[in-house]
């Protein structure tokens, strides 16, 4: 979903949205939501009014609607079907473009990473209430996917049994097993090296988890030429030689062009053009031009104000006379250091 904040913001917006509309007469009686995906049951004659209601609440948020076809409607990874007696049944939904390609058996990945997709499918198999025919059909598809990726039937059966036992325990009791705090250590997966280390650490109470192996693109060097610092745009700092103060600024142009303007403002004592010139005029300090640098290269102009504000908020001593473009106490929590 892009930014890590997106699900949180979507959840906050939708919660407020639902609270505002839940008492309206056209708000669906059945309304099930996962983040911003909604499953709703609406009388057919009320569909236009319901959609109009949902789209009238915010100028930039527009809902689209997908109706059932042949009494079936996919919702996330479920296929919801309406039976003749108007009861609902559930089965697993896969997009037509699904290839069932996962990490293959001969891939140099840690075992848990190879099993992850099949654990997800097995959990879905045993936790979703399906009719027997749909259960068998889905189980067959998992076998086929395993075979396609080089795994045997026993591999799948073992994972399914694990989830069946877990499901049985959950149905039998509400008590949760006691969990001890475990120290985890992350390292790359290289069996000949990491397995002995893992065994040794486990004897001392440490649990080793493995990172995903690097792709070929990550292992190869970047073929593009790096842009010299003085040719970049972004957030820059200019330090003082005689005190800890720094000037934090932003530029859409090349840094060397903006730095030249600051130098001229200091040389000609043009205090209206630069806070750096104000600092030298007030304190008769010398500017450390040699250590002036770009601290965050940014190409998108829309990001400049936010980044400049974050660096200003976390700086210890500033030459800047004006406030940051965006003022927020949250910026101090970012932990940015120049």
Protein backbone atom coordinates (compact mmCIF):
# COMPACT_ATOMS: atom_id res chain seq x y z
CA UNK A 1 0.00 0.00 0.00
CA UNK A 2 2.97 2.30 -0.37
CA UNK A 3 3.80 4.16 2.84
CA UNK A 4 3.71 2.22 6.13
CA UNK A 5 1.31 4.85 7.42
CA UNK A 6 -1.25 4.11 4.70
CA UNK A 7 -3.10 1.25 6.47
CA UNK A 8 -3.22 3.21 9.75
CA UNK A 9 -4.55 6.35 8.08
CA UNK A 10 -7.05 4.34 6.02
CA UNK A 11 -8.27 2.61 9.20
CA UNK A 12 -8.64 5.92 11.07
CA UNK A 13 -10.50 7.54 8.17
CA UNK A 14 -12.85 4.59 7.65
CA UNK A 15 -13.61 4.29 11.37
CA UNK A 16 -14.66 7.93 11.50
CA UNK A 17 -16.52 7.50 8.21
CA UNK A 18 -18.53 4.55 9.53
CA UNK A 19 -19.38 6.26 12.82
CA UNK A 20 -20.72 9.25 10.91
CA UNK A 21 -22.94 7.18 8.60
CA UNK A 22 -24.01 4.12 10.58
CA UNK A 23 -27.36 5.64 11.63
CA UNK A 24 -28.33 6.76 8.13
CA UNK A 25 -31.26 4.83 6.64
CA UNK A 26 -29.31 3.91 3.48
CA UNK A 27 -26.23 2.67 5.36
CA UNK A 28 -26.00 -1.13 4.76
CA UNK A 29 -27.19 -3.35 7.60
CA UNK A 30 -24.40 -5.84 6.75
CA UNK A 31 -21.08 -3.96 6.47
CA UNK A 32 -17.83 -5.93 6.87
CA UNK A 33 -14.57 -4.15 6.23
CA UNK A 34 -10.86 -4.91 6.01
CA UNK A 35 -8.92 -1.59 5.91
CA UNK A 36 -10.64 0.01 2.87
CA UNK A 37 -12.20 -3.09 1.26
CA UNK A 38 -15.86 -3.46 2.20
CA UNK A 39 -18.30 -6.36 1.89
CA UNK A 40 -21.88 -5.14 2.19
CA UNK A 41 -25.34 -6.56 1.61
CA UNK A 42 -27.70 -4.00 0.10
CA UNK A 43 -31.16 -4.36 -1.37
CA UNK A 44 -30.85 -3.99 -5.14
CA UNK A 45 -33.28 -1.08 -5.35
CA UNK A 46 -31.22 0.86 -2.79
CA UNK A 47 -27.82 0.42 -4.47
CA UNK A 48 -27.78 3.82 -6.30
CA UNK A 49 -28.81 5.74 -3.15
CA UNK A 50 -26.29 3.86 -1.02
CA UNK A 51 -23.40 4.57 -3.40
CA UNK A 52 -24.44 8.22 -3.63
CA UNK A 53 -24.47 8.44 0.17
CA UNK A 54 -20.97 6.97 0.49
CA UNK A 55 -19.55 9.29 -2.19
CA UNK A 56 -21.15 12.44 -0.79
CA UNK A 57 -19.13 12.54 2.43
CA UNK A 58 -15.69 13.53 1.15
CA UNK A 59 -14.73 15.40 -2.04
CA UNK A 60 -11.66 13.27 -2.86
CA UNK A 61 -12.76 9.84 -1.59
CA UNK A 62 -14.85 7.93 -4.10
CA UNK A 63 -16.15 4.40 -3.66
CA UNK A 64 -16.63 1.97 -6.52
CA UNK A 65 -18.99 -0.98 -6.45
CA UNK A 66 -18.68 -4.56 -7.64
CA UNK A 67 -21.92 -6.54 -7.82
CA UNK A 68 -22.37 -10.28 -7.56
CA UNK A 69 -22.30 -12.25 -10.81
CA UNK A 70 -24.13 -15.58 -10.98
CA UNK A 71 -24.75 -15.25 -7.22
CA UNK A 72 -20.98 -15.04 -6.58
CA UNK A 73 -18.80 -12.21 -5.36
CA UNK A 74 -15.04 -12.27 -4.57
CA UNK A 75 -13.93 -10.41 -1.45
CA UNK A 76 -10.18 -10.39 -0.80
CA UNK A 77 -9.20 -14.10 -0.96
CA UNK A 78 -12.76 -15.38 -0.39
CA UNK A 79 -15.42 -16.29 -2.92
CA UNK A 80 -18.81 -15.66 -1.33
CA UNK A 81 -21.67 -17.53 -3.02
CA UNK A 82 -25.39 -17.10 -2.41
CA UNK A 83 -27.29 -20.38 -2.34
CA UNK A 84 -30.89 -20.96 -3.41
CA UNK A 85 -32.13 -20.58 0.16
CA UNK A 86 -30.26 -17.20 0.40
CA UNK A 87 -27.66 -18.56 2.82
CA UNK A 88 -24.00 -17.86 2.09
CA UNK A 89 -21.19 -20.30 1.48
CA UNK A 90 -17.48 -19.60 1.31
CA UNK A 91 -14.62 -20.92 -0.78
CA UNK A 92 -11.12 -19.74 -1.67
CA UNK A 93 -10.75 -17.16 -4.44
CA UNK A 94 -7.70 -16.91 -6.67
CA UNK A 95 -7.29 -14.31 -9.36
CA UNK A 96 -7.28 -15.63 -12.96
CA UNK A 97 -3.71 -14.30 -13.29
CA UNK A 98 -2.45 -16.43 -10.36
CA UNK A 99 0.49 -18.63 -11.38
CA UNK A 100 0.95 -20.57 -8.08
CA UNK A 101 4.65 -19.80 -8.27
CA UNK A 102 6.35 -19.53 -4.88
CA UNK A 103 9.90 -20.09 -3.56
CA UNK A 104 10.95 -23.37 -5.15
CA UNK A 105 12.25 -26.38 -3.25
CA UNK A 106 15.79 -26.08 -4.67
CA UNK A 107 16.11 -22.37 -3.84
CA UNK A 108 18.81 -21.39 -1.33
CA UNK A 109 16.37 -20.02 1.26
CA UNK A 110 15.81 -20.83 4.89
CA UNK A 111 13.17 -23.56 5.38
CA UNK A 112 10.67 -21.27 7.14
CA UNK A 113 10.74 -18.90 4.19
CA UNK A 114 10.00 -21.73 1.77
CA UNK A 115 7.11 -22.93 3.92
CA UNK A 116 5.57 -19.49 4.54
CA UNK A 117 3.21 -19.45 1.54
CA UNK A 118 1.99 -22.99 2.26
CA UNK A 119 1.45 -22.18 5.94
CA UNK A 120 -0.75 -19.28 4.82
CA UNK A 121 -2.75 -21.53 2.48
CA UNK A 122 -3.09 -24.26 5.12
CA UNK A 123 -4.27 -21.77 7.76
CA UNK A 124 -6.88 -20.47 5.33
CA UNK A 125 -7.94 -24.03 4.48
CA UNK A 126 -8.68 -25.09 8.07
CA UNK A 127 -10.02 -21.77 9.43
CA UNK A 128 -12.57 -20.84 6.74
CA UNK A 129 -15.90 -22.69 7.04
CA UNK A 130 -16.19 -24.47 3.68
CA UNK A 131 -18.36 -27.26 2.40
CA UNK A 132 -16.63 -30.62 2.07
CA UNK A 133 -16.39 -30.45 -1.75
CA UNK A 134 -14.80 -26.97 -1.62
CA UNK A 135 -12.42 -28.13 1.12
CA UNK A 136 -11.22 -31.07 -1.00
CA UNK A 137 -10.94 -28.87 -4.09
CA UNK A 138 -8.80 -26.31 -2.25
CA UNK A 139 -6.62 -29.03 -0.72
CA UNK A 140 -6.01 -30.42 -4.21
CA UNK A 141 -4.97 -26.96 -5.44
CA UNK A 142 -2.45 -26.71 -2.61
CA UNK A 143 -1.04 -30.12 -3.58
CA UNK A 144 -0.77 -28.93 -7.21
CA UNK A 145 0.98 -25.72 -6.19
CA UNK A 146 3.44 -27.69 -4.06
CA UNK A 147 4.15 -30.09 -6.89
CA UNK A 148 4.69 -27.18 -9.29
CA UNK A 149 7.35 -25.76 -6.97
CA UNK A 150 9.11 -29.05 -6.33
CA UNK A 151 7.53 -30.13 -3.02
CA UNK A 152 5.89 -33.47 -2.27
CA UNK A 153 2.48 -34.35 -0.85
CA UNK A 154 4.02 -35.17 2.53
CA UNK A 155 5.35 -31.62 2.76
CA UNK A 156 1.81 -30.23 2.46
CA UNK A 157 0.23 -32.85 4.73
CA UNK A 158 2.64 -32.04 7.55
CA UNK A 159 1.85 -28.33 7.37
CA UNK A 160 -1.92 -28.95 7.21
CA UNK A 161 -1.75 -31.27 10.26
CA UNK A 162 0.08 -28.54 12.18
CA UNK A 163 -2.71 -26.06 11.51
CA UNK A 164 -5.45 -28.58 12.21
CA UNK A 165 -3.94 -29.28 15.65
CA UNK A 166 -3.64 -25.57 16.33
CA UNK A 167 -7.24 -25.00 15.25
CA UNK A 168 -8.40 -27.86 17.49
CA UNK A 169 -6.59 -26.38 20.51
CA UNK A 170 -8.14 -22.98 19.89
CA UNK A 171 -11.62 -24.50 19.69
CA UNK A 172 -11.08 -26.57 22.83
CA UNK A 173 -9.91 -23.81 25.19
CA UNK A 174 -9.60 -20.05 25.54
CA UNK A 175 -6.38 -20.35 27.52
CA UNK A 176 -3.31 -19.03 25.76
CA UNK A 177 0.09 -20.73 26.09
CA UNK A 178 2.61 -18.86 28.17
CA UNK A 179 5.11 -17.05 26.00
CA UNK A 180 8.61 -16.39 27.24
CA UNK A 181 10.53 -13.37 26.06
CA UNK A 182 13.13 -14.55 23.57
CA UNK A 183 16.18 -12.64 22.39
CA UNK A 184 16.29 -12.75 18.58
CA UNK A 185 19.32 -12.31 16.36
CA UNK A 186 19.01 -11.71 12.64
CA UNK A 187 21.61 -12.93 10.17
CA UNK A 188 21.80 -13.92 6.48
CA UNK A 189 21.10 -17.55 5.55
CA UNK A 190 24.24 -19.49 4.70
CA UNK A 191 23.72 -23.06 6.03
CA UNK A 192 27.36 -24.12 6.34
CA UNK A 193 28.18 -21.04 8.41
CA UNK A 194 24.97 -19.98 10.12
CA UNK A 195 23.70 -23.41 11.22
CA UNK A 196 26.60 -24.05 13.64
CA UNK A 197 26.25 -20.48 14.94
CA UNK A 198 22.50 -20.97 15.33
CA UNK A 199 22.98 -24.19 17.33
CA UNK A 200 25.51 -22.54 19.61
CA UNK A 201 23.36 -19.48 20.26
CA UNK A 202 20.23 -21.56 20.93
CA UNK A 203 22.00 -23.21 23.88
CA UNK A 204 22.30 -19.76 25.44
CA UNK A 205 18.67 -18.73 24.90
CA UNK A 206 19.03 -16.83 21.64
CA UNK A 207 16.74 -17.46 18.67
CA UNK A 208 18.23 -16.88 15.21
CA UNK A 209 16.03 -15.56 12.42
CA UNK A 210 17.22 -15.24 8.85
CA UNK A 211 16.96 -12.32 6.50
CA UNK A 212 15.80 -12.83 2.94
CA UNK A 213 18.74 -13.60 0.70
CA UNK A 214 19.96 -10.75 -1.46
CA UNK A 215 18.77 -10.64 -5.04
CA UNK A 216 21.24 -10.50 -7.89
CA UNK A 217 20.37 -6.84 -8.40
CA UNK A 218 21.33 -6.06 -4.79
CA UNK A 219 24.59 -7.98 -5.03
CA UNK A 220 25.72 -6.27 -8.22
CA UNK A 221 27.11 -2.77 -8.08
CA UNK A 222 25.03 0.21 -9.19
CA UNK A 223 25.88 0.86 -12.82
CA UNK A 224 24.70 4.48 -12.69
CA UNK A 225 27.19 7.27 -12.05
CA UNK A 226 26.70 8.93 -8.67
CA UNK A 227 25.65 12.56 -8.74
CA UNK A 228 28.32 14.77 -7.11
CA UNK A 229 27.11 16.32 -3.86
CA UNK A 230 27.40 19.87 -5.11
CA UNK A 231 25.22 18.98 -8.11
CA UNK A 232 22.35 17.70 -5.95
CA UNK A 233 19.13 19.39 -4.90
CA UNK A 234 17.68 18.80 -1.46
CA UNK A 235 18.38 19.76 2.16
CA UNK A 236 21.76 21.27 2.99
CA UNK A 237 23.64 22.58 6.01
CA UNK A 238 26.20 25.35 6.38
CA UNK A 239 28.23 25.24 9.64
CA UNK A 240 29.97 28.02 11.52
CA UNK A 241 33.70 27.76 12.30
CA UNK A 242 33.50 29.60 15.60
CA UNK A 243 30.38 28.07 17.20
CA UNK A 244 28.19 24.93 16.93
CA UNK A 245 25.45 26.76 14.96
CA UNK A 246 24.45 25.51 11.52
CA UNK A 247 22.13 26.82 8.86
CA UNK A 248 19.60 24.31 7.47
CA UNK A 249 18.07 25.12 4.12
CA UNK A 250 16.47 23.63 1.04
CA UNK A 251 17.09 24.10 -2.65
CA UNK A 252 15.44 22.87 -5.83
CA UNK A 253 18.49 23.89 -7.81
CA UNK A 254 22.03 22.55 -7.65
CA UNK A 255 23.55 22.97 -4.21
CA UNK A 256 26.64 24.74 -5.58
CA UNK A 257 24.42 27.48 -7.06
CA UNK A 258 22.62 28.11 -3.75
CA UNK A 259 25.90 28.00 -1.80
CA UNK A 260 27.36 30.66 -4.10
CA UNK A 261 24.39 32.91 -3.29
CA UNK A 262 25.01 32.52 0.46
CA UNK A 263 28.70 33.39 -0.01
CA UNK A 264 27.86 36.57 -1.93
CA UNK A 265 25.32 37.58 0.72
CA UNK A 266 28.00 37.21 3.44
CA UNK A 267 30.69 39.03 1.42
CA UNK A 268 28.37 41.96 0.67
CA UNK A 269 26.69 41.92 4.12
CA UNK A 270 23.26 41.45 2.54
CA UNK A 271 21.42 40.35 5.68
CA UNK A 272 18.04 40.43 3.94
CA UNK A 273 19.14 37.67 1.56
CA UNK A 274 20.58 35.08 3.95
CA UNK A 275 20.38 34.08 7.61
CA UNK A 276 24.03 33.06 7.27
CA UNK A 277 24.87 36.70 6.52
CA UNK A 278 22.86 37.75 9.60
CA UNK A 279 24.88 35.36 11.76
CA UNK A 280 28.24 36.68 10.55
CA UNK A 281 27.09 40.30 10.91
CA UNK A 282 25.80 39.84 14.46
CA UNK A 283 28.56 37.65 15.89
CA UNK A 284 31.51 38.37 13.53
CA UNK A 285 32.00 34.62 13.10
CA UNK A 286 33.61 32.90 10.15
CA UNK A 287 31.59 30.41 8.10
CA UNK A 288 33.03 26.94 7.44
CA UNK A 289 32.31 26.87 3.70
CA UNK A 290 34.51 23.80 3.14
CA UNK A 291 32.20 21.63 5.28
CA UNK A 292 28.93 22.92 3.83
CA UNK A 293 27.13 19.93 2.31
CA UNK A 294 23.90 18.33 1.19
CA UNK A 295 22.55 16.20 4.06
CA UNK A 296 19.57 14.78 2.17
CA UNK A 297 19.39 14.61 -1.60
CA UNK A 298 15.79 15.12 -2.76
CA UNK A 299 14.45 15.22 -6.30
CA UNK A 300 10.74 15.70 -5.56
CA UNK A 301 10.02 19.33 -4.68
CA UNK A 302 6.89 18.28 -2.75
CA UNK A 303 9.10 16.58 -0.12
CA UNK A 304 11.43 19.50 0.56
CA UNK A 305 9.36 21.27 3.24
CA UNK A 306 8.84 18.12 5.31
CA UNK A 307 12.48 17.04 5.24
CA UNK A 308 13.77 20.55 5.99
CA UNK A 309 11.36 20.80 8.94
CA UNK A 310 12.51 17.46 10.35
CA UNK A 311 16.21 18.41 10.20
CA UNK A 312 15.51 21.84 11.72
CA UNK A 313 13.51 20.26 14.57
CA UNK A 314 16.35 17.92 15.50
CA UNK A 315 19.25 20.41 15.18
CA UNK A 316 20.92 21.58 18.42
CA UNK A 317 21.77 25.17 17.44
CA UNK A 318 20.59 27.04 14.34
CA UNK A 319 21.44 30.18 12.40
CA UNK A 320 17.95 30.09 10.85
CA UNK A 321 15.88 33.15 11.72
CA UNK A 322 12.58 31.92 10.26
CA UNK A 323 10.54 29.00 11.55
CA UNK A 324 10.51 25.71 9.70
CA UNK A 325 7.89 25.38 6.91
CA UNK A 326 6.07 22.76 9.01
CA UNK A 327 6.03 22.94 12.80
CA UNK A 328 5.20 19.75 14.68
CA UNK A 329 6.44 18.19 17.94
CA UNK A 330 6.40 14.82 16.19
CA UNK A 331 9.49 15.72 14.18
CA UNK A 332 11.62 15.44 17.33
CA UNK A 333 10.66 11.75 17.52
CA UNK A 334 12.18 10.92 14.12
CA UNK A 335 15.68 10.58 15.57
CA UNK A 336 17.28 12.34 12.59
CA UNK A 337 20.85 13.39 13.16
CA UNK A 338 22.93 15.63 10.95
